[in-house]
């Protein structure tokens, strides 16, 4: 869903997208501050391992 927000945030605010998804999705969704925190984090160790494994298989 981070990619979805990235794709549409030039048309709608991040707050609007997150609020709309929270309202219309069962179980809620990410908040605008949660989105910003996820964008500020670095690449996870799992993503690095997956990328290394993927390149090893090619």
PDB file of N, CA and C in Angstrom:
ATOM      1  N   UNK A   1       0.810  -1.185   0.000  1.00  0.00           N
ATOM      2  CA  UNK A   1       0.000   0.000   0.000  1.00  0.00           C
ATOM      3  C   UNK A   1       0.861   1.261   0.000  1.00  0.00           C
ATOM      4  N   UNK A   2       2.098   1.138   0.424  1.00  0.00           N
ATOM      5  CA  UNK A   2       2.997   2.295   0.382  1.00  0.00           C
ATOM      6  C   UNK A   2       3.166   2.743  -1.069  1.00  0.00           C
ATOM      7  N   UNK A   3       3.324   1.770  -1.976  1.00  0.00           N
ATOM      8  CA  UNK A   3       3.444   2.112  -3.398  1.00  0.00           C
ATOM      9  C   UNK A   3       2.194   2.814  -3.912  1.00  0.00           C
ATOM     10  N   UNK A   4       1.029   2.368  -3.460  1.00  0.00           N
ATOM     11  CA  UNK A   4      -0.234   2.996  -3.855  1.00  0.00           C
ATOM     12  C   UNK A   4      -0.251   4.458  -3.423  1.00  0.00           C
ATOM     13  N   UNK A   5       0.122   4.713  -2.181  1.00  0.00           N
ATOM     14  CA  UNK A   5       0.146   6.093  -1.682  1.00  0.00           C
ATOM     15  C   UNK A   5       1.165   6.911  -2.463  1.00  0.00           C
ATOM     16  N   UNK A   6       2.342   6.341  -2.720  1.00  0.00           N
ATOM     17  CA  UNK A   6       3.353   7.052  -3.499  1.00  0.00           C
ATOM     18  C   UNK A   6       2.829   7.423  -4.885  1.00  0.00           C
ATOM     19  N   UNK A   7       2.077   6.528  -5.490  1.00  0.00           N
ATOM     20  CA  UNK A   7       1.567   6.751  -6.839  1.00  0.00           C
ATOM     21  C   UNK A   7       0.529   7.871  -6.884  1.00  0.00           C
ATOM     22  N   UNK A   8      -0.314   7.974  -5.852  1.00  0.00           N
ATOM     23  CA  UNK A   8      -1.423   8.923  -5.891  1.00  0.00           C
ATOM     24  C   UNK A   8      -1.246  10.157  -5.019  1.00  0.00           C
ATOM     25  N   UNK A   9      -0.138  10.275  -4.325  1.00  0.00           N
ATOM     26  CA  UNK A   9      -0.019  11.417  -3.422  1.00  0.00           C
ATOM     27  C   UNK A   9       0.215  12.731  -4.148  1.00  0.00           C
ATOM     28  N   UNK A  10       0.513  12.693  -5.444  1.00  0.00           N
ATOM     29  CA  UNK A  10       0.602  13.955  -6.185  1.00  0.00           C
ATOM     30  C   UNK A  10      -0.791  14.470  -6.554  1.00  0.00           C
ATOM     31  N   UNK A  11      -1.809  13.597  -6.527  1.00  0.00           N
ATOM     32  CA  UNK A  11      -3.192  14.003  -6.803  1.00  0.00           C
ATOM     33  C   UNK A  11      -3.988  14.250  -5.534  1.00  0.00           C
ATOM     34  N   UNK A  12      -3.693  13.495  -4.469  1.00  0.00           N
ATOM     35  CA  UNK A  12      -4.404  13.600  -3.200  1.00  0.00           C
ATOM     36  C   UNK A  12      -3.377  13.687  -2.082  1.00  0.00           C
ATOM     37  N   UNK A  13      -3.734  14.304  -0.986  1.00  0.00           N
ATOM     38  CA  UNK A  13      -2.799  14.380   0.139  1.00  0.00           C
ATOM     39  C   UNK A  13      -2.654  12.998   0.782  1.00  0.00           C
ATOM     40  N   UNK A  14      -1.516  12.797   1.409  1.00  0.00           N
ATOM     41  CA  UNK A  14      -1.276  11.546   2.123  1.00  0.00           C
ATOM     42  C   UNK A  14      -2.324  11.355   3.212  1.00  0.00           C
ATOM     43  N   UNK A  15      -2.656  12.421   3.908  1.00  0.00           N
ATOM     44  CA  UNK A  15      -3.669  12.349   4.971  1.00  0.00           C
ATOM     45  C   UNK A  15      -5.015  11.900   4.408  1.00  0.00           C
ATOM     46  N   UNK A  16      -5.423  12.447   3.269  1.00  0.00           N
ATOM     47  CA  UNK A  16      -6.699  12.079   2.658  1.00  0.00           C
ATOM     48  C   UNK A  16      -6.710  10.603   2.259  1.00  0.00           C
ATOM     49  N   UNK A  17      -5.638  10.144   1.644  1.00  0.00           N
ATOM     50  CA  UNK A  17      -5.569   8.731   1.217  1.00  0.00           C
ATOM     51  C   UNK A  17      -5.648   7.815   2.427  1.00  0.00           C
ATOM     52  N   UNK A  18      -4.868   8.100   3.458  1.00  0.00           N
ATOM     53  CA  UNK A  18      -4.856   7.239   4.644  1.00  0.00           C
ATOM     54  C   UNK A  18      -6.206   7.253   5.358  1.00  0.00           C
ATOM     55  N   UNK A  19      -6.814   8.421   5.476  1.00  0.00           N
ATOM     56  CA  UNK A  19      -8.123   8.519   6.125  1.00  0.00           C
ATOM     57  C   UNK A  19      -9.168   7.734   5.347  1.00  0.00           C
ATOM     58  N   UNK A  20      -9.159   7.874   4.028  1.00  0.00           N
ATOM     59  CA  UNK A  20     -10.122   7.162   3.188  1.00  0.00           C
ATOM     60  C   UNK A  20      -9.936   5.656   3.302  1.00  0.00           C
ATOM     61  N   UNK A  21      -8.693   5.191   3.257  1.00  0.00           N
ATOM     62  CA  UNK A  21      -8.442   3.759   3.376  1.00  0.00           C
ATOM     63  C   UNK A  21      -8.834   3.240   4.756  1.00  0.00           C
ATOM     64  N   UNK A  22      -8.579   4.029   5.801  1.00  0.00           N
ATOM     65  CA  UNK A  22      -8.977   3.623   7.155  1.00  0.00           C
ATOM     66  C   UNK A  22     -10.486   3.516   7.284  1.00  0.00           C
ATOM     67  N   UNK A  23     -11.208   4.409   6.624  1.00  0.00           N
ATOM     68  CA  UNK A  23     -12.663   4.436   6.713  1.00  0.00           C
ATOM     69  C   UNK A  23     -13.299   3.279   5.958  1.00  0.00           C
ATOM     70  N   UNK A  24     -12.749   2.949   4.806  1.00  0.00           N
ATOM     71  CA  UNK A  24     -13.412   2.006   3.907  1.00  0.00           C
ATOM     72  C   UNK A  24     -12.781   0.618   3.875  1.00  0.00           C
ATOM     73  N   UNK A  25     -11.812   0.367   4.709  1.00  0.00           N
ATOM     74  CA  UNK A  25     -11.160  -0.939   4.719  1.00  0.00           C
ATOM     75  C   UNK A  25     -11.376  -1.582   6.084  1.00  0.00           C
ATOM     76  N   UNK A  26     -11.875  -2.802   6.097  1.00  0.00           N
ATOM     77  CA  UNK A  26     -12.122  -3.509   7.354  1.00  0.00           C
ATOM     78  C   UNK A  26     -10.779  -3.741   8.053  1.00  0.00           C
ATOM     79  N   UNK A  27     -10.704  -3.425   9.310  1.00  0.00           N
ATOM     80  CA  UNK A  27      -9.473  -3.619  10.077  1.00  0.00           C
ATOM     81  C   UNK A  27      -8.547  -2.423  10.049  1.00  0.00           C
ATOM     82  N   UNK A  28      -8.953  -1.360   9.363  1.00  0.00           N
ATOM     83  CA  UNK A  28      -8.130  -0.159   9.333  1.00  0.00           C
ATOM     84  C   UNK A  28      -6.955  -0.271   8.390  1.00  0.00           C
ATOM     85  N   UNK A  29      -6.147   0.726   8.417  1.00  0.00           N
ATOM     86  CA  UNK A  29      -4.979   0.774   7.555  1.00  0.00           C
ATOM     87  C   UNK A  29      -3.940   1.672   8.193  1.00  0.00           C
ATOM     88  N   UNK A  30      -2.980   2.083   7.418  1.00  0.00           N
ATOM     89  CA  UNK A  30      -1.874   2.895   7.892  1.00  0.00           C
ATOM     90  C   UNK A  30      -2.326   4.343   8.107  1.00  0.00           C
ATOM     91  N   UNK A  31      -1.733   4.998   9.074  1.00  0.00           N
ATOM     92  CA  UNK A  31      -2.002   6.419   9.302  1.00  0.00           C
ATOM     93  C   UNK A  31      -0.960   7.236   8.542  1.00  0.00           C
ATOM     94  N   UNK A  32      -1.214   8.517   8.375  1.00  0.00           N
ATOM     95  CA  UNK A  32      -0.254   9.386   7.693  1.00  0.00           C
ATOM     96  C   UNK A  32       1.098   9.398   8.420  1.00  0.00           C
ATOM     97  N   UNK A  33       1.126   9.508   9.763  1.00  0.00           N
ATOM     98  CA  UNK A  33       2.430   9.436  10.444  1.00  0.00           C
ATOM     99  C   UNK A  33       3.112   8.068  10.256  1.00  0.00           C
ATOM    100  N   UNK A  34       2.318   7.005  10.224  1.00  0.00           N
ATOM    101  CA  UNK A  34       2.891   5.673   9.986  1.00  0.00           C
ATOM    102  C   UNK A  34       3.491   5.561   8.601  1.00  0.00           C
ATOM    103  N   UNK A  35       2.838   6.176   7.624  1.00  0.00           N
ATOM    104  CA  UNK A  35       3.369   6.201   6.259  1.00  0.00           C
ATOM    105  C   UNK A  35       4.700   6.932   6.233  1.00  0.00           C
ATOM    106  N   UNK A  36       4.755   8.097   6.877  1.00  0.00           N
ATOM    107  CA  UNK A  36       6.010   8.873   6.887  1.00  0.00           C
ATOM    108  C   UNK A  36       7.128   8.114   7.601  1.00  0.00           C
ATOM    109  N   UNK A  37       6.797   7.418   8.678  1.00  0.00           N
ATOM    110  CA  UNK A  37       7.821   6.620   9.376  1.00  0.00           C
ATOM    111  C   UNK A  37       8.335   5.499   8.482  1.00  0.00           C
ATOM    112  N   UNK A  38       7.435   4.846   7.757  1.00  0.00           N
ATOM    113  CA  UNK A  38       7.862   3.743   6.893  1.00  0.00           C
ATOM    114  C   UNK A  38       8.744   4.248   5.762  1.00  0.00           C
ATOM    115  N   UNK A  39       8.492   5.453   5.274  1.00  0.00           N
ATOM    116  CA  UNK A  39       9.306   6.019   4.202  1.00  0.00           C
ATOM    117  C   UNK A  39      10.681   6.446   4.703  1.00  0.00           C
ATOM    118  N   UNK A  40      10.789   6.796   5.991  1.00  0.00           N
ATOM    119  CA  UNK A  40      12.063   7.271   6.527  1.00  0.00           C
ATOM    120  C   UNK A  40      12.979   6.126   6.969  1.00  0.00           C
ATOM    121  N   UNK A  41      12.419   4.926   7.104  1.00  0.00           N
ATOM    122  CA  UNK A  41      13.238   3.778   7.481  1.00  0.00           C
ATOM    123  C   UNK A  41      14.140   3.358   6.327  1.00  0.00           C
ATOM    124  N   UNK A  42      15.255   2.770   6.657  1.00  0.00           N
ATOM    125  CA  UNK A  42      16.152   2.235   5.643  1.00  0.00           C
ATOM    126  C   UNK A  42      15.642   0.890   5.143  1.00  0.00           C
ATOM    127  N   UNK A  43      16.404   0.295   4.277  1.00  0.00           N
ATOM    128  CA  UNK A  43      16.052  -1.017   3.733  1.00  0.00           C
ATOM    129  C   UNK A  43      16.215  -2.055   4.837  1.00  0.00           C
ATOM    130  N   UNK A  44      15.251  -2.957   4.955  1.00  0.00           N
ATOM    131  CA  UNK A  44      15.297  -3.966   6.008  1.00  0.00           C
ATOM    132  C   UNK A  44      16.329  -5.045   5.682  1.00  0.00           C
ATOM    133  N   UNK A  45      16.764  -5.738   6.711  1.00  0.00           N
ATOM    134  CA  UNK A  45      17.712  -6.836   6.531  1.00  0.00           C
ATOM    135  C   UNK A  45      17.100  -7.926   5.652  1.00  0.00           C
ATOM    136  N   UNK A  46      15.820  -8.158   5.808  1.00  0.00           N
ATOM    137  CA  UNK A  46      15.131  -9.167   4.989  1.00  0.00           C
ATOM    138  C   UNK A  46      15.162  -8.794   3.511  1.00  0.00           C
ATOM    139  N   UNK A  47      14.918  -7.541   3.207  1.00  0.00           N
ATOM    140  CA  UNK A  47      14.958  -7.094   1.808  1.00  0.00           C
ATOM    141  C   UNK A  47      16.357  -7.250   1.225  1.00  0.00           C
ATOM    142  N   UNK A  48      17.365  -6.952   2.016  1.00  0.00           N
ATOM    143  CA  UNK A  48      18.743  -7.113   1.553  1.00  0.00           C
ATOM    144  C   UNK A  48      19.067  -8.582   1.281  1.00  0.00           C
ATOM    145  N   UNK A  49      18.637  -9.479   2.185  1.00  0.00           N
ATOM    146  CA  UNK A  49      18.868 -10.920   1.985  1.00  0.00           C
ATOM    147  C   UNK A  49      18.122 -11.417   0.752  1.00  0.00           C
ATOM    148  N   UNK A  50      16.888 -10.984   0.587  1.00  0.00           N
ATOM    149  CA  UNK A  50      16.100 -11.407  -0.574  1.00  0.00           C
ATOM    150  C   UNK A  50      16.750 -10.951  -1.874  1.00  0.00           C
ATOM    151  N   UNK A  51      17.252  -9.735  -1.909  1.00  0.00           N
ATOM    152  CA  UNK A  51      17.897  -9.215  -3.109  1.00  0.00           C
ATOM    153  C   UNK A  51      19.173  -9.996  -3.415  1.00  0.00           C
ATOM    154  N   UNK A  52      19.931 -10.325  -2.369  1.00  0.00           N
ATOM    155  CA  UNK A  52      21.160 -11.099  -2.568  1.00  0.00           C
ATOM    156  C   UNK A  52      20.845 -12.500  -3.062  1.00  0.00           C
ATOM    157  N   UNK A  53      19.811 -13.119  -2.507  1.00  0.00           N
ATOM    158  CA  UNK A  53      19.421 -14.460  -2.935  1.00  0.00           C
ATOM    159  C   UNK A  53      18.901 -14.433  -4.371  1.00  0.00           C
ATOM    160  N   UNK A  54      18.151 -13.403  -4.713  1.00  0.00           N
ATOM    161  CA  UNK A  54      17.604 -13.275  -6.064  1.00  0.00           C
ATOM    162  C   UNK A  54      18.727 -13.138  -7.089  1.00  0.00           C
ATOM    163  N   UNK A  55      19.723 -12.321  -6.764  1.00  0.00           N
ATOM    164  CA  UNK A  55      20.828 -12.146  -7.704  1.00  0.00           C
ATOM    165  C   UNK A  55      21.686 -13.393  -7.804  1.00  0.00           C
ATOM    166  N   UNK A  56      21.741 -14.192  -6.741  1.00  0.00           N
ATOM    167  CA  UNK A  56      22.530 -15.423  -6.757  1.00  0.00           C
ATOM    168  C   UNK A  56      21.889 -16.467  -7.667  1.00  0.00           C
ATOM    169  N   UNK A  57      20.574 -16.434  -7.790  1.00  0.00           N
ATOM    170  CA  UNK A  57      19.858 -17.410  -8.626  1.00  0.00           C
ATOM    171  C   UNK A  57      19.887 -17.053 -10.096  1.00  0.00           C
ATOM    172  N   UNK A  58      20.239 -15.824 -10.415  1.00  0.00           N
ATOM    173  CA  UNK A  58      20.242 -15.392 -11.832  1.00  0.00           C
ATOM    174  C   UNK A  58      21.558 -15.579 -12.471  1.00  0.00           C
TER     175      UNK A  58
END
